[in-house]
Amino acid sequence: MTTEPNASETLPGDGAAAPAKREKKEDSFPVFLIKLLLIVLVFRSFILSPFNIPSESMLPRLQKGDYLLASKWSYGYSKYSLPFSAPLIPGRLFASQPERGDVAIFKAPPGNDVDYIKRVIGLPGDQIQMIGGVLHINGKAVAKERIADAQYPVSPYNQCHEMFRSKREDGTDTCRYPQYRETLPNGVSYNVLDLGLYAADDTQVFVVPEGHLFMMGDNRDNSEDSRFDPEAGGGVGFVPQENLVGKAQVMMFSTDGSSSWLLPWTWFTAARWDRIGGRI
């Protein structure tokens, strides 16, 4: 005697569809945030990282209130490439020596976790000296040509030395700083400010040690750089190459400091739109 299958049973080959696979469960919002944070950390640590300019030591090219992007791969990677200088990278990986004229970000002086930005002037073995406000490299004066004054509107980020303040035809206050075009032996040219005779215009001969760099600000009379002994908030002395963080590349944003969080329209009026996107 044979029995018929129950209506609820399914026999092989009767054309019934296979059970649907269980859909992958979506990540929770906290997991998404963790993944996003890891992506940002990797990007900032090894590709591009934002930096802001807190002072006028790199005038005329960089102004206080500028925000730029720096390439992290240019000089290799060390613990200073990581957030909080986490000691996870031994020594320096894929190290590459900067060129004279590079605008570099670095950590200095020793024990200070603050980012500094200066121009690379001296490489290992170079002899650097200032004589009468003129830069000398290996006993030869660097070409220095007087050009038109650098002019900047007076703003919260540019208070201006009183002796350099003047008025435009429309009555607004402006700064006019003496400006020069300096050309290094490798052909790299850039503008510098020379505000007059200062103590650091005449220095001893600095011989750059192996594995170190001699860094200077473009605002020569308003820059605590390698001409001064390293100390927190002051000079940086010779900068170890392992302290390099990145190379300044492009201007991301710039503001004159006149904006207020409570006044949204000032976020736009304070922006220096003509500076955004420029190469460093």
Protein backbone atom coordinates (compact mmCIF):
# COMPACT_ATOMS: atom_id res chain seq x y z
CA MET A 1 0.00 0.00 0.00
CA THR A 2 1.35 3.36 -0.97
CA THR A 3 0.69 6.67 0.68
CA GLU A 4 0.49 10.10 -0.93
CA PRO A 5 2.88 12.82 0.34
CA ASN A 6 1.45 15.52 2.52
CA ALA A 7 0.69 18.77 0.75
CA SER A 8 3.20 20.50 3.03
CA GLU A 9 6.08 18.24 1.99
CA THR A 10 8.34 19.06 -0.94
CA LEU A 11 9.73 16.36 -3.16
CA PRO A 12 13.02 16.68 -5.09
CA GLY A 13 12.60 18.01 -8.57
CA ASP A 14 9.15 19.42 -8.06
CA GLY A 15 10.38 22.93 -9.10
CA ALA A 16 10.13 24.55 -5.69
CA ALA A 17 12.52 27.48 -5.06
CA ALA A 18 15.51 26.97 -2.74
CA PRO A 19 15.35 28.76 0.62
CA ALA A 20 16.60 32.37 0.38
CA LYS A 21 20.03 33.09 1.90
CA ARG A 22 20.05 35.16 5.05
CA GLU A 23 20.87 38.79 4.26
CA LYS A 24 24.11 40.15 5.68
CA LYS A 25 23.45 42.17 8.78
CA GLU A 26 24.32 45.83 8.36
CA ASP A 27 27.02 47.31 10.59
CA SER A 28 25.78 49.23 13.56
CA PHE A 29 26.38 52.97 13.70
CA PRO A 30 29.20 52.70 16.30
CA VAL A 31 31.00 50.15 14.07
CA PHE A 32 30.61 52.51 11.10
CA LEU A 33 32.12 55.35 13.13
CA ILE A 34 35.09 53.18 14.15
CA LYS A 35 35.75 52.23 10.53
CA LEU A 36 35.49 55.86 9.45
CA LEU A 37 37.90 56.91 12.19
CA LEU A 38 40.43 54.27 11.10
CA ILE A 39 40.22 55.45 7.49
CA VAL A 40 40.78 59.06 8.53
CA LEU A 41 43.72 58.10 10.77
CA VAL A 42 45.40 56.14 7.98
CA PHE A 43 44.81 58.96 5.48
CA ARG A 44 46.18 61.64 7.83
CA SER A 45 49.11 59.52 8.96
CA PHE A 46 50.37 58.35 5.58
CA ILE A 47 48.88 60.44 2.76
CA LEU A 48 47.76 64.03 3.40
CA SER A 49 47.27 65.94 6.63
CA PRO A 50 45.92 69.45 7.35
CA PHE A 51 47.96 72.06 9.21
CA ASN A 52 47.25 75.65 10.17
CA ILE A 53 49.63 78.60 10.30
CA PRO A 54 49.62 80.13 13.82
CA SER A 55 52.14 82.97 13.34
CA GLU A 56 53.71 85.38 10.85
CA SER A 57 57.13 83.71 10.74
CA MET A 58 56.57 82.48 7.16
CA LEU A 59 55.36 85.74 5.65
CA PRO A 60 55.03 86.63 2.84
CA ARG A 61 54.08 83.20 1.42
CA LEU A 62 52.17 81.90 4.42
CA GLN A 63 49.94 84.08 6.58
CA LYS A 64 48.46 83.51 9.99
CA GLY A 65 45.05 81.92 9.43
CA ASP A 66 46.13 79.81 6.46
CA TYR A 67 45.18 76.13 6.41
CA LEU A 68 47.22 73.87 4.17
CA LEU A 69 47.64 70.25 3.21
CA ALA A 70 50.99 68.52 3.62
CA SER A 71 52.09 65.31 1.93
CA LYS A 72 53.17 62.72 4.49
CA TRP A 73 55.05 60.50 2.02
CA SER A 74 57.56 63.13 0.85
CA TYR A 75 60.25 62.47 3.46
CA GLY A 76 59.27 59.02 4.69
CA TYR A 77 57.49 57.95 7.87
CA SER A 78 58.43 57.97 11.54
CA LYS A 79 56.59 58.11 14.84
CA TYR A 80 56.07 61.82 14.14
CA SER A 81 53.87 60.86 11.21
CA LEU A 82 51.37 59.34 13.64
CA PRO A 83 48.85 61.12 15.88
CA PHE A 84 50.38 62.12 19.21
CA SER A 85 53.76 60.90 17.91
CA ALA A 86 52.85 57.37 18.93
CA PRO A 87 56.10 55.31 19.05
CA LEU A 88 54.86 52.62 16.66
CA ILE A 89 57.31 53.16 13.80
CA PRO A 90 60.98 52.36 14.56
CA GLY A 91 63.38 54.93 13.09
CA ARG A 92 62.31 56.26 9.70
CA LEU A 93 60.78 54.20 6.90
CA PHE A 94 61.21 55.09 3.20
CA ALA A 95 63.37 58.06 4.23
CA SER A 96 63.99 60.76 1.62
CA GLN A 97 66.11 63.88 2.11
CA PRO A 98 64.41 67.26 1.54
CA GLU A 99 65.68 69.72 -1.03
CA ARG A 100 66.79 73.26 -0.28
CA GLY A 101 63.79 75.53 -0.53
CA ASP A 102 61.19 72.97 0.59
CA VAL A 103 58.61 74.25 3.07
CA ALA A 104 58.56 71.48 5.67
CA ILE A 105 56.57 70.67 8.80
CA PHE A 106 58.50 69.12 11.68
CA LYS A 107 58.52 68.52 15.42
CA ALA A 108 60.97 70.61 17.46
CA PRO A 109 62.64 71.22 19.79
CA PRO A 110 63.24 67.86 21.53
CA GLY A 111 60.36 66.82 23.75
CA ASN A 112 57.97 69.30 22.14
CA ASP A 113 55.02 67.77 20.27
CA VAL A 114 54.09 71.06 18.55
CA ASP A 115 54.24 71.30 14.75
CA TYR A 116 56.62 73.90 13.30
CA ILE A 117 56.82 75.04 9.69
CA LYS A 118 59.95 76.57 8.11
CA ARG A 119 61.91 76.53 4.88
CA VAL A 120 64.78 74.08 4.38
CA ILE A 121 67.95 76.16 3.93
CA GLY A 122 70.88 73.94 4.95
CA LEU A 123 71.50 70.25 4.31
CA PRO A 124 73.96 67.99 6.18
CA GLY A 125 77.50 69.33 5.85
CA ASP A 126 76.44 72.82 4.72
CA GLN A 127 77.91 75.93 6.30
CA ILE A 128 75.22 78.56 6.94
CA GLN A 129 75.79 82.16 8.00
CA MET A 130 73.95 85.48 7.95
CA ILE A 131 76.07 88.54 7.18
CA GLY A 132 74.38 91.95 7.15
CA GLY A 133 71.01 90.32 6.55
CA VAL A 134 72.28 88.33 3.56
CA LEU A 135 72.17 84.53 3.67
CA HIS A 136 75.45 82.74 2.91
CA ILE A 137 75.67 79.03 2.06
CA ASN A 138 79.09 77.41 2.02
CA GLY A 139 80.82 80.78 1.95
CA LYS A 140 78.81 82.23 -0.97
CA ALA A 141 76.13 84.91 -0.71
CA VAL A 142 72.67 83.81 -1.82
CA ALA A 143 71.18 86.08 -4.50
CA LYS A 144 68.83 88.62 -2.93
CA GLU A 145 66.91 91.11 -5.10
CA ARG A 146 64.72 93.97 -3.86
CA ILE A 147 61.19 93.75 -5.24
CA ALA A 148 57.88 95.54 -4.60
CA ASP A 149 56.72 95.78 -0.99
CA ALA A 150 54.46 93.05 0.34
CA GLN A 151 51.08 94.51 1.29
CA TYR A 152 48.51 93.03 3.65
CA PRO A 153 45.23 94.43 4.98
CA VAL A 154 45.29 95.06 8.73
CA SER A 155 43.16 92.36 10.38
CA PRO A 156 42.92 90.44 13.68
CA TYR A 157 45.56 88.06 12.27
CA ASN A 158 47.77 90.85 10.92
CA GLN A 159 48.16 93.63 13.47
CA CYS A 160 51.16 95.11 11.62
CA HIS A 161 54.26 96.85 12.98
CA GLU A 162 53.34 100.50 13.44
CA MET A 163 56.28 101.73 11.38
CA PHE A 164 55.04 99.75 8.38
CA ARG A 165 51.37 100.76 8.62
CA SER A 166 49.88 103.06 6.00
CA LYS A 167 46.51 103.89 4.44
CA ARG A 168 45.16 103.08 1.03
CA GLU A 169 43.23 105.53 -1.11
CA ASP A 170 39.95 104.15 0.25
CA GLY A 171 41.10 104.92 3.81
CA THR A 172 41.64 101.33 4.94
CA ASP A 173 44.76 100.42 6.91
CA THR A 174 47.39 98.30 5.23
CA CYS A 175 50.84 96.90 6.00
CA ARG A 176 53.76 97.47 3.65
CA TYR A 177 56.76 95.26 4.39
CA PRO A 178 60.12 95.45 2.54
CA GLN A 179 60.29 92.37 0.32
CA TYR A 180 63.12 90.58 -1.47
CA ARG A 181 63.45 87.72 -3.92
CA GLU A 182 65.94 85.12 -2.72
CA THR A 183 67.36 82.38 -5.00
CA LEU A 184 69.13 79.35 -3.56
CA PRO A 185 72.07 77.58 -5.26
CA ASN A 186 69.73 74.88 -6.63
CA GLY A 187 67.61 77.54 -8.39
CA VAL A 188 64.65 77.58 -5.99
CA SER A 189 63.33 81.14 -5.58
CA TYR A 190 60.93 82.58 -3.03
CA ASN A 191 60.14 85.91 -1.38
CA VAL A 192 61.39 86.97 2.05
CA LEU A 193 60.76 89.95 4.30
CA ASP A 194 63.59 92.07 5.73
CA LEU A 195 62.33 94.55 8.30
CA GLY A 196 65.70 96.19 9.02
CA LEU A 197 68.81 95.48 11.08
CA TYR A 198 68.32 92.89 13.82
CA ALA A 199 70.70 90.81 15.93
CA ALA A 200 70.09 87.66 13.89
CA ASP A 201 71.16 89.45 10.68
CA ASP A 202 74.77 88.65 11.65
CA THR A 203 75.52 85.18 12.96
CA GLN A 204 78.29 82.70 13.47
CA VAL A 205 78.94 79.98 10.89
CA PHE A 206 76.58 77.05 11.49
CA VAL A 207 77.85 73.68 10.25
CA VAL A 208 74.86 71.40 9.75
CA PRO A 209 75.47 67.98 11.38
CA GLU A 210 74.86 64.71 9.60
CA GLY A 211 71.20 63.72 9.69
CA HIS A 212 70.05 67.28 10.46
CA LEU A 213 68.65 70.32 8.65
CA PHE A 214 68.99 74.09 9.00
CA MET A 215 65.53 75.69 8.86
CA MET A 216 64.62 79.38 8.50
CA GLY A 217 61.43 81.42 8.34
CA ASP A 218 60.82 83.65 5.33
CA ASN A 219 59.99 86.54 7.68
CA ARG A 220 63.66 86.73 8.60
CA ASP A 221 63.37 89.27 11.41
CA ASN A 222 60.34 87.63 13.01
CA SER A 223 61.23 83.94 13.08
CA GLU A 224 62.63 81.77 15.86
CA ASP A 225 64.42 79.21 13.71
CA SER A 226 67.73 77.32 13.43
CA ARG A 227 69.68 80.50 14.15
CA PHE A 228 68.52 80.18 17.77
CA ASP A 229 69.14 77.46 20.34
CA PRO A 230 66.30 74.96 20.72
CA GLU A 231 63.82 75.75 23.47
CA ALA A 232 60.08 75.38 23.92
CA GLY A 233 58.33 78.34 22.30
CA GLY A 234 61.62 79.65 20.90
CA GLY A 235 64.36 78.59 18.52
CA VAL A 236 64.61 75.13 16.97
CA GLY A 237 68.36 74.69 16.46
CA PHE A 238 69.43 71.99 14.03
CA VAL A 239 66.39 69.88 13.17
CA PRO A 240 66.85 66.06 13.07
CA GLN A 241 65.54 64.67 9.80
CA GLU A 242 63.65 62.03 11.76
CA ASN A 243 61.52 64.88 13.15
CA LEU A 244 60.10 65.69 9.72
CA VAL A 245 56.33 65.36 9.46
CA GLY A 246 55.57 66.35 5.87
CA LYS A 247 56.00 68.76 2.98
CA ALA A 248 53.60 71.71 2.55
CA GLN A 249 51.80 71.32 -0.77
CA VAL A 250 48.59 73.28 -1.29
CA MET A 251 46.46 75.93 0.42
CA MET A 252 43.20 74.42 1.63
CA PHE A 253 41.58 77.48 3.27
CA SER A 254 42.47 80.90 4.65
CA THR A 255 40.77 83.34 7.00
CA ASP A 256 41.72 86.77 8.30
CA GLY A 257 40.40 85.98 11.80
CA SER A 258 37.43 88.38 11.72
CA SER A 259 34.73 85.69 11.73
CA SER A 260 32.46 84.80 14.64
CA TRP A 261 30.73 81.47 15.24
CA LEU A 262 27.61 83.39 16.30
CA LEU A 263 27.51 85.32 13.00
CA PRO A 264 27.40 82.76 10.18
CA TRP A 265 27.75 85.31 7.36
CA THR A 266 31.17 86.29 8.69
CA TRP A 267 32.41 82.77 7.91
CA PHE A 268 32.33 83.88 4.27
CA THR A 269 33.38 87.52 4.58
CA ALA A 270 36.46 86.56 6.63
CA ALA A 271 37.67 84.02 4.07
CA ARG A 272 40.65 85.02 1.91
CA TRP A 273 39.26 83.38 -1.21
CA ASP A 274 42.13 84.44 -3.46
CA ARG A 275 44.57 82.31 -1.42
CA ILE A 276 42.63 79.05 -1.55
CA GLY A 277 44.01 76.36 -3.85
CA GLY A 278 47.46 77.89 -4.36
CA ARG A 279 50.57 75.71 -4.34
CA ILE A 280 53.02 76.35 -1.51
